[in-house]
């Protein structure tokens, strides 16, 4: 995965990856032609815009030691955002602390 700017990295299959400060993990969208869902990209690696919104869901083990390891008690997580002109607008359905806030796409991750 090679850097194309301080904000974006290339990923396999036509993907572009950016760091999400809300989730503390990378998110990848696929752009251009190819199989699977594809996003529009404004072509600006310094101030990226992706359309439509970026929705990432996953589950994590429970923080409760008595329930950890039991998938029936995993906790669902959501990160839903608009990435516009190099800003990440986190929507209200995010399960992290940046829900409802807008922050720059981080540099140099």
PDB file of N, CA and C in Angstrom:
ATOM      1  N   UNK A   1       0.858  -1.169   0.000  1.00  0.00           N
ATOM      2  CA  UNK A   1       0.000   0.000   0.000  1.00  0.00           C
ATOM      3  C   UNK A   1       0.902   1.229   0.000  1.00  0.00           C
ATOM      4  N   UNK A   2       0.939   1.957  -1.115  1.00  0.00           N
ATOM      5  CA  UNK A   2       1.815   3.108  -1.238  1.00  0.00           C
ATOM      6  C   UNK A   2       1.088   4.417  -1.030  1.00  0.00           C
ATOM      7  N   UNK A   3       1.780   5.373  -0.451  1.00  0.00           N
ATOM      8  CA  UNK A   3       1.209   6.700  -0.221  1.00  0.00           C
ATOM      9  C   UNK A   3       1.115   7.453  -1.540  1.00  0.00           C
ATOM     10  N   UNK A   4      -0.028   8.090  -1.786  1.00  0.00           N
ATOM     11  CA  UNK A   4      -0.158   8.981  -2.938  1.00  0.00           C
ATOM     12  C   UNK A   4      -0.217  10.434  -2.485  1.00  0.00           C
ATOM     13  N   UNK A   5      -0.373  10.644  -1.191  1.00  0.00           N
ATOM     14  CA  UNK A   5      -0.320  11.976  -0.581  1.00  0.00           C
ATOM     15  C   UNK A   5      -0.131  11.768   0.908  1.00  0.00           C
ATOM     16  N   UNK A   6      -0.109  12.852   1.660  1.00  0.00           N
ATOM     17  CA  UNK A   6       0.000  12.725   3.115  1.00  0.00           C
ATOM     18  C   UNK A   6      -1.296  12.208   3.721  1.00  0.00           C
ATOM     19  N   UNK A   7      -2.382  12.186   2.943  1.00  0.00           N
ATOM     20  CA  UNK A   7      -3.692  11.785   3.450  1.00  0.00           C
ATOM     21  C   UNK A   7      -4.193  10.445   2.917  1.00  0.00           C
ATOM     22  N   UNK A   8      -3.720  10.038   1.736  1.00  0.00           N
ATOM     23  CA  UNK A   8      -4.255   8.842   1.071  1.00  0.00           C
ATOM     24  C   UNK A   8      -3.165   7.847   0.708  1.00  0.00           C
ATOM     25  N   UNK A   9      -3.550   6.583   0.750  1.00  0.00           N
ATOM     26  CA  UNK A   9      -2.695   5.495   0.273  1.00  0.00           C
ATOM     27  C   UNK A   9      -3.473   4.674  -0.746  1.00  0.00           C
ATOM     28  N   UNK A  10      -2.738   4.111  -1.707  1.00  0.00           N
ATOM     29  CA  UNK A  10      -3.343   3.177  -2.653  1.00  0.00           C
ATOM     30  C   UNK A  10      -3.596   1.848  -1.965  1.00  0.00           C
ATOM     31  N   UNK A  11      -4.670   1.182  -2.346  1.00  0.00           N
ATOM     32  CA  UNK A  11      -4.969  -0.163  -1.868  1.00  0.00           C
ATOM     33  C   UNK A  11      -5.311  -1.028  -3.076  1.00  0.00           C
ATOM     34  N   UNK A  12      -5.272  -2.331  -2.889  1.00  0.00           N
ATOM     35  CA  UNK A  12      -5.573  -3.263  -3.974  1.00  0.00           C
ATOM     36  C   UNK A  12      -6.966  -3.033  -4.533  1.00  0.00           C
ATOM     37  N   UNK A  13      -7.143  -3.386  -5.807  1.00  0.00           N
ATOM     38  CA  UNK A  13      -8.461  -3.348  -6.426  1.00  0.00           C
ATOM     39  C   UNK A  13      -9.011  -1.956  -6.659  1.00  0.00           C
ATOM     40  N   UNK A  14      -8.123  -0.976  -6.832  1.00  0.00           N
ATOM     41  CA  UNK A  14      -8.601   0.390  -7.079  1.00  0.00           C
ATOM     42  C   UNK A  14      -9.020   1.108  -5.817  1.00  0.00           C
ATOM     43  N   UNK A  15      -8.494   0.694  -4.687  1.00  0.00           N
ATOM     44  CA  UNK A  15      -8.884   1.302  -3.417  1.00  0.00           C
ATOM     45  C   UNK A  15      -8.032   2.493  -3.038  1.00  0.00           C
ATOM     46  N   UNK A  16      -8.636   3.399  -2.306  1.00  0.00           N
ATOM     47  CA  UNK A  16      -7.944   4.504  -1.664  1.00  0.00           C
ATOM     48  C   UNK A  16      -8.231   4.403  -0.178  1.00  0.00           C
ATOM     49  N   UNK A  17      -7.198   4.532   0.633  1.00  0.00           N
ATOM     50  CA  UNK A  17      -7.312   4.344   2.073  1.00  0.00           C
ATOM     51  C   UNK A  17      -6.955   5.639   2.788  1.00  0.00           C
ATOM     52  N   UNK A  18      -7.768   5.988   3.794  1.00  0.00           N
ATOM     53  CA  UNK A  18      -7.485   7.139   4.640  1.00  0.00           C
ATOM     54  C   UNK A  18      -7.613   6.709   6.098  1.00  0.00           C
ATOM     55  N   UNK A  19      -6.945   7.444   6.978  1.00  0.00           N
ATOM     56  CA  UNK A  19      -6.987   7.140   8.404  1.00  0.00           C
ATOM     57  C   UNK A  19      -8.191   7.816   9.023  1.00  0.00           C
ATOM     58  N   UNK A  20      -8.949   7.055   9.812  1.00  0.00           N
ATOM     59  CA  UNK A  20     -10.115   7.581  10.515  1.00  0.00           C
ATOM     60  C   UNK A  20      -9.743   7.837  11.977  1.00  0.00           C
ATOM     61  N   UNK A  21      -9.723   9.098  12.396  1.00  0.00           N
ATOM     62  CA  UNK A  21      -9.381   9.384  13.784  1.00  0.00           C
ATOM     63  C   UNK A  21     -10.487   8.990  14.763  1.00  0.00           C
ATOM     64  N   UNK A  22     -11.703   8.811  14.283  1.00  0.00           N
ATOM     65  CA  UNK A  22     -12.793   8.381  15.160  1.00  0.00           C
ATOM     66  C   UNK A  22     -12.665   6.927  15.546  1.00  0.00           C
ATOM     67  N   UNK A  23     -12.287   6.100  14.587  1.00  0.00           N
ATOM     68  CA  UNK A  23     -12.165   4.656  14.815  1.00  0.00           C
ATOM     69  C   UNK A  23     -10.749   4.238  15.181  1.00  0.00           C
ATOM     70  N   UNK A  24      -9.791   5.113  14.901  1.00  0.00           N
ATOM     71  CA  UNK A  24      -8.372   4.780  15.045  1.00  0.00           C
ATOM     72  C   UNK A  24      -8.025   3.558  14.195  1.00  0.00           C
ATOM     73  N   UNK A  25      -8.517   3.600  12.948  1.00  0.00           N
ATOM     74  CA  UNK A  25      -8.231   2.543  11.978  1.00  0.00           C
ATOM     75  C   UNK A  25      -8.391   3.104  10.568  1.00  0.00           C
ATOM     76  N   UNK A  26      -7.828   2.412   9.613  1.00  0.00           N
ATOM     77  CA  UNK A  26      -7.913   2.837   8.216  1.00  0.00           C
ATOM     78  C   UNK A  26      -9.256   2.427   7.615  1.00  0.00           C
ATOM     79  N   UNK A  27      -9.766   3.278   6.725  1.00  0.00           N
ATOM     80  CA  UNK A  27     -10.959   2.965   5.935  1.00  0.00           C
ATOM     81  C   UNK A  27     -10.570   3.029   4.463  1.00  0.00           C
ATOM     82  N   UNK A  28     -11.081   2.080   3.677  1.00  0.00           N
ATOM     83  CA  UNK A  28     -10.776   2.013   2.252  1.00  0.00           C
ATOM     84  C   UNK A  28     -12.051   2.111   1.443  1.00  0.00           C
ATOM     85  N   UNK A  29     -12.022   2.939   0.405  1.00  0.00           N
ATOM     86  CA  UNK A  29     -13.103   2.992  -0.581  1.00  0.00           C
ATOM     87  C   UNK A  29     -12.500   2.623  -1.920  1.00  0.00           C
ATOM     88  N   UNK A  30     -13.282   1.998  -2.763  1.00  0.00           N
ATOM     89  CA  UNK A  30     -12.826   1.604  -4.089  1.00  0.00           C
ATOM     90  C   UNK A  30     -13.378   2.616  -5.096  1.00  0.00           C
ATOM     91  N   UNK A  31     -12.500   3.089  -5.967  1.00  0.00           N
ATOM     92  CA  UNK A  31     -12.881   4.097  -6.949  1.00  0.00           C
ATOM     93  C   UNK A  31     -12.571   3.590  -8.350  1.00  0.00           C
ATOM     94  N   UNK A  32     -13.172   4.205  -9.337  1.00  0.00           N
ATOM     95  CA  UNK A  32     -12.921   3.812 -10.724  1.00  0.00           C
ATOM     96  C   UNK A  32     -13.690   2.558 -11.108  1.00  0.00           C
ATOM     97  N   UNK A  33     -13.297   1.966 -12.228  1.00  0.00           N
ATOM     98  CA  UNK A  33     -13.969   0.767 -12.735  1.00  0.00           C
ATOM     99  C   UNK A  33     -13.543  -0.452 -11.940  1.00  0.00           C
ATOM    100  N   UNK A  34     -14.440  -1.424 -11.869  1.00  0.00           N
ATOM    101  CA  UNK A  34     -14.112  -2.676 -11.211  1.00  0.00           C
ATOM    102  C   UNK A  34     -15.317  -3.289 -10.543  1.00  0.00           C
ATOM    103  N   UNK A  35     -15.098  -4.449  -9.974  1.00  0.00           N
ATOM    104  CA  UNK A  35     -16.170  -5.174  -9.303  1.00  0.00           C
ATOM    105  C   UNK A  35     -16.455  -4.574  -7.933  1.00  0.00           C
ATOM    106  N   UNK A  36     -17.644  -4.816  -7.461  1.00  0.00           N
ATOM    107  CA  UNK A  36     -18.017  -4.395  -6.114  1.00  0.00           C
ATOM    108  C   UNK A  36     -18.420  -2.933  -6.047  1.00  0.00           C
ATOM    109  N   UNK A  37     -18.816  -2.508  -4.873  1.00  0.00           N
ATOM    110  CA  UNK A  37     -19.225  -1.104  -4.707  1.00  0.00           C
ATOM    111  C   UNK A  37     -18.084  -0.156  -5.054  1.00  0.00           C
ATOM    112  N   UNK A  38     -18.416   0.963  -5.670  1.00  0.00           N
ATOM    113  CA  UNK A  38     -17.434   1.967  -6.073  1.00  0.00           C
ATOM    114  C   UNK A  38     -17.917   3.351  -5.640  1.00  0.00           C
ATOM    115  N   UNK A  39     -16.952   4.182  -5.237  1.00  0.00           N
ATOM    116  CA  UNK A  39     -17.245   5.551  -4.829  1.00  0.00           C
ATOM    117  C   UNK A  39     -16.732   6.505  -5.892  1.00  0.00           C
ATOM    118  N   UNK A  40     -17.355   7.661  -5.965  1.00  0.00           N
ATOM    119  CA  UNK A  40     -16.805   8.746  -6.760  1.00  0.00           C
ATOM    120  C   UNK A  40     -15.667   9.385  -5.981  1.00  0.00           C
ATOM    121  N   UNK A  41     -14.680   9.881  -6.694  1.00  0.00           N
ATOM    122  CA  UNK A  41     -13.548  10.579  -6.074  1.00  0.00           C
ATOM    123  C   UNK A  41     -13.243  11.809  -6.912  1.00  0.00           C
ATOM    124  N   UNK A  42     -12.998  12.931  -6.268  1.00  0.00           N
ATOM    125  CA  UNK A  42     -12.722  14.173  -6.987  1.00  0.00           C
ATOM    126  C   UNK A  42     -11.316  14.229  -7.591  1.00  0.00           C
ATOM    127  N   UNK A  43     -10.486  13.222  -7.362  1.00  0.00           N
ATOM    128  CA  UNK A  43      -9.139  13.175  -7.926  1.00  0.00           C
ATOM    129  C   UNK A  43      -8.121  14.008  -7.178  1.00  0.00           C
ATOM    130  N   UNK A  44      -8.516  14.624  -6.088  1.00  0.00           N
ATOM    131  CA  UNK A  44      -7.620  15.485  -5.311  1.00  0.00           C
ATOM    132  C   UNK A  44      -7.101  14.713  -4.102  1.00  0.00           C
ATOM    133  N   UNK A  45      -5.821  14.313  -4.158  1.00  0.00           N
ATOM    134  CA  UNK A  45      -5.246  13.512  -3.072  1.00  0.00           C
ATOM    135  C   UNK A  45      -4.976  14.342  -1.820  1.00  0.00           C
ATOM    136  N   UNK A  46      -4.895  15.664  -1.963  1.00  0.00           N
ATOM    137  CA  UNK A  46      -4.639  16.531  -0.813  1.00  0.00           C
ATOM    138  C   UNK A  46      -5.932  16.938  -0.103  1.00  0.00           C
ATOM    139  N   UNK A  47      -7.030  17.052  -0.856  1.00  0.00           N
ATOM    140  CA  UNK A  47      -8.337  17.444  -0.288  1.00  0.00           C
ATOM    141  C   UNK A  47      -9.410  16.504  -0.859  1.00  0.00           C
ATOM    142  N   UNK A  48      -9.344  15.213  -0.495  1.00  0.00           N
ATOM    143  CA  UNK A  48     -10.242  14.244  -1.132  1.00  0.00           C
ATOM    144  C   UNK A  48     -11.709  14.453  -0.791  1.00  0.00           C
ATOM    145  N   UNK A  49     -12.532  14.140  -1.790  1.00  0.00           N
ATOM    146  CA  UNK A  49     -13.978  14.039  -1.632  1.00  0.00           C
ATOM    147  C   UNK A  49     -14.377  12.683  -2.178  1.00  0.00           C
ATOM    148  N   UNK A  50     -15.151  11.928  -1.382  1.00  0.00           N
ATOM    149  CA  UNK A  50     -15.698  10.643  -1.826  1.00  0.00           C
ATOM    150  C   UNK A  50     -17.214  10.724  -1.772  1.00  0.00           C
ATOM    151  N   UNK A  51     -17.866  10.196  -2.807  1.00  0.00           N
ATOM    152  CA  UNK A  51     -19.326  10.148  -2.815  1.00  0.00           C
ATOM    153  C   UNK A  51     -19.777   8.754  -3.217  1.00  0.00           C
ATOM    154  N   UNK A  52     -20.822   8.213  -2.612  1.00  0.00           N
ATOM    155  CA  UNK A  52     -21.617   8.804  -1.530  1.00  0.00           C
ATOM    156  C   UNK A  52     -20.888   8.678  -0.186  1.00  0.00           C
ATOM    157  N   UNK A  53     -21.650   8.686   0.895  1.00  0.00           N
ATOM    158  CA  UNK A  53     -21.080   8.575   2.234  1.00  0.00           C
ATOM    159  C   UNK A  53     -20.319   7.265   2.400  1.00  0.00           C
ATOM    160  N   UNK A  54     -19.437   7.248   3.390  1.00  0.00           N
ATOM    161  CA  UNK A  54     -18.637   6.067   3.714  1.00  0.00           C
ATOM    162  C   UNK A  54     -19.220   5.455   4.987  1.00  0.00           C
ATOM    163  N   UNK A  55     -19.684   4.223   4.886  1.00  0.00           N
ATOM    164  CA  UNK A  55     -20.268   3.511   6.025  1.00  0.00           C
ATOM    165  C   UNK A  55     -19.432   2.272   6.304  1.00  0.00           C
ATOM    166  N   UNK A  56     -18.872   2.205   7.505  1.00  0.00           N
ATOM    167  CA  UNK A  56     -18.055   1.064   7.925  1.00  0.00           C
ATOM    168  C   UNK A  56     -18.691   0.477   9.176  1.00  0.00           C
ATOM    169  N   UNK A  57     -18.919  -0.830   9.160  1.00  0.00           N
ATOM    170  CA  UNK A  57     -19.484  -1.515  10.331  1.00  0.00           C
ATOM    171  C   UNK A  57     -18.609  -2.704  10.686  1.00  0.00           C
ATOM    172  N   UNK A  58     -18.534  -3.011  11.958  1.00  0.00           N
ATOM    173  CA  UNK A  58     -17.789  -4.169  12.438  1.00  0.00           C
ATOM    174  C   UNK A  58     -18.263  -4.487  13.841  1.00  0.00           C
ATOM    175  N   UNK A  59     -17.794  -5.570  14.380  1.00  0.00           N
ATOM    176  CA  UNK A  59     -18.116  -5.907  15.764  1.00  0.00           C
ATOM    177  C   UNK A  59     -16.833  -6.219  16.512  1.00  0.00           C
ATOM    178  N   UNK A  60     -16.889  -5.992  17.812  1.00  0.00           N
ATOM    179  CA  UNK A  60     -15.744  -6.209  18.691  1.00  0.00           C
ATOM    180  C   UNK A  60     -16.196  -7.030  19.882  1.00  0.00           C
ATOM    181  N   UNK A  61     -15.282  -7.773  20.472  1.00  0.00           N
ATOM    182  CA  UNK A  61     -15.638  -8.511  21.682  1.00  0.00           C
ATOM    183  C   UNK A  61     -16.079  -7.556  22.801  1.00  0.00           C
ATOM    184  N   UNK A  62     -16.935  -8.031  23.639  1.00  0.00           N
ATOM    185  CA  UNK A  62     -17.404  -7.254  24.782  1.00  0.00           C
ATOM    186  C   UNK A  62     -16.241  -6.872  25.689  1.00  0.00           C
ATOM    187  N   UNK A  63     -16.359  -5.702  26.322  1.00  0.00           N
ATOM    188  CA  UNK A  63     -15.360  -5.269  27.312  1.00  0.00           C
ATOM    189  C   UNK A  63     -15.515  -6.012  28.629  1.00  0.00           C
ATOM    190  N   UNK A  64     -16.650  -6.646  28.815  1.00  0.00           N
ATOM    191  CA  UNK A  64     -16.925  -7.387  30.054  1.00  0.00           C
ATOM    192  C   UNK A  64     -16.159  -8.717  30.004  1.00  0.00           C
ATOM    193  N   UNK A  65     -15.197  -8.918  30.902  1.00  0.00           N
ATOM    194  CA  UNK A  65     -14.406 -10.156  30.863  1.00  0.00           C
ATOM    195  C   UNK A  65     -15.257 -11.427  30.938  1.00  0.00           C
ATOM    196  N   UNK A  66     -16.409 -11.353  31.588  1.00  0.00           N
ATOM    197  CA  UNK A  66     -17.270 -12.529  31.697  1.00  0.00           C
ATOM    198  C   UNK A  66     -17.919 -12.882  30.358  1.00  0.00           C
ATOM    199  N   UNK A  67     -18.032 -11.886  29.452  1.00  0.00           N
ATOM    200  CA  UNK A  67     -18.691 -12.108  28.162  1.00  0.00           C
ATOM    201  C   UNK A  67     -17.709 -12.181  26.994  1.00  0.00           C
ATOM    202  N   UNK A  68     -16.481 -11.744  27.210  1.00  0.00           N
ATOM    203  CA  UNK A  68     -15.482 -11.742  26.144  1.00  0.00           C
ATOM    204  C   UNK A  68     -15.276 -13.157  25.615  1.00  0.00           C
ATOM    205  N   UNK A  69     -15.147 -13.262  24.309  1.00  0.00           N
ATOM    206  CA  UNK A  69     -14.954 -14.570  23.690  1.00  0.00           C
ATOM    207  C   UNK A  69     -16.246 -15.238  23.273  1.00  0.00           C
ATOM    208  N   UNK A  70     -17.388 -14.677  23.680  1.00  0.00           N
ATOM    209  CA  UNK A  70     -18.692 -15.209  23.284  1.00  0.00           C
ATOM    210  C   UNK A  70     -19.251 -14.296  22.193  1.00  0.00           C
ATOM    211  N   UNK A  71     -19.220 -14.735  20.927  1.00  0.00           N
ATOM    212  CA  UNK A  71     -19.669 -13.875  19.831  1.00  0.00           C
ATOM    213  C   UNK A  71     -21.100 -13.358  20.000  1.00  0.00           C
ATOM    214  N   UNK A  72     -21.922 -14.050  20.756  1.00  0.00           N
ATOM    215  CA  UNK A  72     -23.293 -13.592  20.977  1.00  0.00           C
ATOM    216  C   UNK A  72     -23.323 -12.263  21.728  1.00  0.00           C
ATOM    217  N   UNK A  73     -22.225 -11.914  22.395  1.00  0.00           N
ATOM    218  CA  UNK A  73     -22.167 -10.675  23.177  1.00  0.00           C
ATOM    219  C   UNK A  73     -21.223  -9.640  22.561  1.00  0.00           C
ATOM    220  N   UNK A  74     -20.824  -9.852  21.300  1.00  0.00           N
ATOM    221  CA  UNK A  74     -19.990  -8.860  20.628  1.00  0.00           C
ATOM    222  C   UNK A  74     -20.753  -7.534  20.526  1.00  0.00           C
ATOM    223  N   UNK A  75     -20.012  -6.447  20.459  1.00  0.00           N
ATOM    224  CA  UNK A  75     -20.580  -5.100  20.397  1.00  0.00           C
ATOM    225  C   UNK A  75     -20.476  -4.599  18.961  1.00  0.00           C
ATOM    226  N   UNK A  76     -21.605  -4.161  18.398  1.00  0.00           N
ATOM    227  CA  UNK A  76     -21.619  -3.619  17.038  1.00  0.00           C
ATOM    228  C   UNK A  76     -21.075  -2.200  17.037  1.00  0.00           C
ATOM    229  N   UNK A  77     -20.241  -1.881  16.045  1.00  0.00           N
ATOM    230  CA  UNK A  77     -19.657  -0.555  15.888  1.00  0.00           C
ATOM    231  C   UNK A  77     -20.014  -0.010  14.511  1.00  0.00           C
ATOM    232  N   UNK A  78     -20.166   1.315  14.440  1.00  0.00           N
ATOM    233  CA  UNK A  78     -20.522   1.993  13.191  1.00  0.00           C
ATOM    234  C   UNK A  78     -19.676   3.244  13.035  1.00  0.00           C
ATOM    235  N   UNK A  79     -19.162   3.456  11.839  1.00  0.00           N
ATOM    236  CA  UNK A  79     -18.546   4.724  11.464  1.00  0.00           C
ATOM    237  C   UNK A  79     -19.182   5.140  10.146  1.00  0.00           C
ATOM    238  N   UNK A  80     -19.874   6.262  10.161  1.00  0.00           N
ATOM    239  CA  UNK A  80     -20.595   6.737   8.981  1.00  0.00           C
ATOM    240  C   UNK A  80     -20.199   8.190   8.772  1.00  0.00           C
ATOM    241  N   UNK A  81     -19.689   8.498   7.580  1.00  0.00           N
ATOM    242  CA  UNK A  81     -19.174   9.848   7.353  1.00  0.00           C
ATOM    243  C   UNK A  81     -19.315  10.279   5.907  1.00  0.00           C
ATOM    244  N   UNK A  82     -19.249  11.594   5.726  1.00  0.00           N
ATOM    245  CA  UNK A  82     -19.030  12.197   4.422  1.00  0.00           C
ATOM    246  C   UNK A  82     -17.597  12.709   4.427  1.00  0.00           C
ATOM    247  N   UNK A  83     -16.853  12.409   3.368  1.00  0.00           N
ATOM    248  CA  UNK A  83     -15.508  12.953   3.209  1.00  0.00           C
ATOM    249  C   UNK A  83     -15.592  13.968   2.074  1.00  0.00           C
ATOM    250  N   UNK A  84     -15.414  15.244   2.443  1.00  0.00           N
ATOM    251  CA  UNK A  84     -15.601  16.339   1.494  1.00  0.00           C
ATOM    252  C   UNK A  84     -14.475  17.354   1.636  1.00  0.00           C
ATOM    253  N   UNK A  85     -13.784  17.627   0.540  1.00  0.00           N
ATOM    254  CA  UNK A  85     -12.700  18.626   0.515  1.00  0.00           C
ATOM    255  C   UNK A  85     -11.702  18.438   1.654  1.00  0.00           C
ATOM    256  N   UNK A  86     -11.338  17.190   1.928  1.00  0.00           N
ATOM    257  CA  UNK A  86     -10.327  16.893   2.938  1.00  0.00           C
ATOM    258  C   UNK A  86     -10.827  16.931   4.368  1.00  0.00           C
ATOM    259  N   UNK A  87     -12.143  16.995   4.549  1.00  0.00           N
ATOM    260  CA  UNK A  87     -12.749  17.006   5.882  1.00  0.00           C
ATOM    261  C   UNK A  87     -13.627  15.757   6.041  1.00  0.00           C
ATOM    262  N   UNK A  88     -13.599  15.174   7.230  1.00  0.00           N
ATOM    263  CA  UNK A  88     -14.473  14.038   7.531  1.00  0.00           C
ATOM    264  C   UNK A  88     -15.601  14.552   8.422  1.00  0.00           C
ATOM    265  N   UNK A  89     -16.823  14.472   7.916  1.00  0.00           N
ATOM    266  CA  UNK A  89     -18.006  14.852   8.692  1.00  0.00           C
ATOM    267  C   UNK A  89     -18.624  13.564   9.229  1.00  0.00           C
ATOM    268  N   UNK A  90     -18.455  13.323  10.520  1.00  0.00           N
ATOM    269  CA  UNK A  90     -18.984  12.114  11.138  1.00  0.00           C
ATOM    270  C   UNK A  90     -20.467  12.306  11.426  1.00  0.00           C
ATOM    271  N   UNK A  91     -21.261  11.365  11.001  1.00  0.00           N
ATOM    272  CA  UNK A  91     -22.709  11.445  11.176  1.00  0.00           C
ATOM    273  C   UNK A  91     -23.105  10.941  12.560  1.00  0.00           C
ATOM    274  N   UNK A  92     -24.347  11.222  12.917  1.00  0.00           N
ATOM    275  CA  UNK A  92     -24.831  10.924  14.260  1.00  0.00           C
ATOM    276  C   UNK A  92     -24.950   9.454  14.599  1.00  0.00           C
ATOM    277  N   UNK A  93     -24.945   8.569  13.595  1.00  0.00           N
ATOM    278  CA  UNK A  93     -25.048   7.139  13.895  1.00  0.00           C
ATOM    279  C   UNK A  93     -23.694   6.493  14.205  1.00  0.00           C
ATOM    280  N   UNK A  94     -22.611   7.276  14.191  1.00  0.00           N
ATOM    281  CA  UNK A  94     -21.298   6.739  14.579  1.00  0.00           C
ATOM    282  C   UNK A  94     -21.333   6.333  16.049  1.00  0.00           C
ATOM    283  N   UNK A  95     -20.628   5.271  16.362  1.00  0.00           N
ATOM    284  CA  UNK A  95     -20.581   4.796  17.753  1.00  0.00           C
ATOM    285  C   UNK A  95     -19.315   5.247  18.468  1.00  0.00           C
ATOM    286  N   UNK A  96     -18.533   6.128  17.849  1.00  0.00           N
ATOM    287  CA  UNK A  96     -17.311   6.624  18.484  1.00  0.00           C
ATOM    288  C   UNK A  96     -17.493   8.075  18.950  1.00  0.00           C
ATOM    289  N   UNK A  97     -16.494   8.583  19.636  1.00  0.00           N
ATOM    290  CA  UNK A  97     -16.581   9.892  20.293  1.00  0.00           C
ATOM    291  C   UNK A  97     -16.642  11.072  19.320  1.00  0.00           C
ATOM    292  N   UNK A  98     -16.312  10.874  18.046  1.00  0.00           N
ATOM    293  CA  UNK A  98     -16.347  11.985  17.096  1.00  0.00           C
ATOM    294  C   UNK A  98     -17.682  12.103  16.360  1.00  0.00           C
ATOM    295  N   UNK A  99     -18.678  11.321  16.734  1.00  0.00           N
ATOM    296  CA  UNK A  99     -20.008  11.418  16.120  1.00  0.00           C
ATOM    297  C   UNK A  99     -20.489  12.863  16.187  1.00  0.00           C
ATOM    298  N   UNK A 100     -20.993  13.364  15.048  1.00  0.00           N
ATOM    299  CA  UNK A 100     -21.524  14.719  14.993  1.00  0.00           C
ATOM    300  C   UNK A 100     -20.474  15.802  14.792  1.00  0.00           C
ATOM    301  N   UNK A 101     -19.206  15.436  14.663  1.00  0.00           N
ATOM    302  CA  UNK A 101     -18.128  16.417  14.498  1.00  0.00           C
ATOM    303  C   UNK A 101     -17.526  16.341  13.105  1.00  0.00           C
ATOM    304  N   UNK A 102     -16.856  17.402  12.712  1.00  0.00           N
ATOM    305  CA  UNK A 102     -16.127  17.442  11.435  1.00  0.00           C
ATOM    306  C   UNK A 102     -14.664  17.714  11.744  1.00  0.00           C
ATOM    307  N   UNK A 103     -13.783  16.884  11.176  1.00  0.00           N
ATOM    308  CA  UNK A 103     -12.338  17.004  11.413  1.00  0.00           C
ATOM    309  C   UNK A 103     -11.599  16.818  10.088  1.00  0.00           C
ATOM    310  N   UNK A 104     -10.379  17.320   9.979  1.00  0.00           N
ATOM    311  CA  UNK A 104      -9.599  17.092   8.745  1.00  0.00           C
ATOM    312  C   UNK A 104      -9.207  15.628   8.608  1.00  0.00           C
ATOM    313  N   UNK A 105      -9.090  15.164   7.362  1.00  0.00           N
ATOM    314  CA  UNK A 105      -8.489  13.858   7.110  1.00  0.00           C
ATOM    315  C   UNK A 105      -7.043  13.966   7.607  1.00  0.00           C
ATOM    316  N   UNK A 106      -6.608  13.075   8.513  1.00  0.00           N
ATOM    317  CA  UNK A 106      -5.270  13.206   9.094  1.00  0.00           C
ATOM    318  C   UNK A 106      -4.151  13.047   8.058  1.00  0.00           C
ATOM    319  N   UNK A 107      -3.050  13.725   8.334  1.00  0.00           N
ATOM    320  CA  UNK A 107      -1.822  13.608   7.549  1.00  0.00           C
ATOM    321  C   UNK A 107      -0.919  12.544   8.121  1.00  0.00           C
ATOM    322  N   UNK A 108      -0.054  12.013   7.250  1.00  0.00           N
ATOM    323  CA  UNK A 108       1.108  11.201   7.656  1.00  0.00           C
ATOM    324  C   UNK A 108       0.802  10.089   8.643  1.00  0.00           C
ATOM    325  N   UNK A 109      -0.117   9.288   8.317  1.00  0.00           N
ATOM    326  CA  UNK A 109      -0.407   8.137   9.171  1.00  0.00           C
ATOM    327  C   UNK A 109       0.354   6.969   8.630  1.00  0.00           C
TER     328      UNK A 109
END
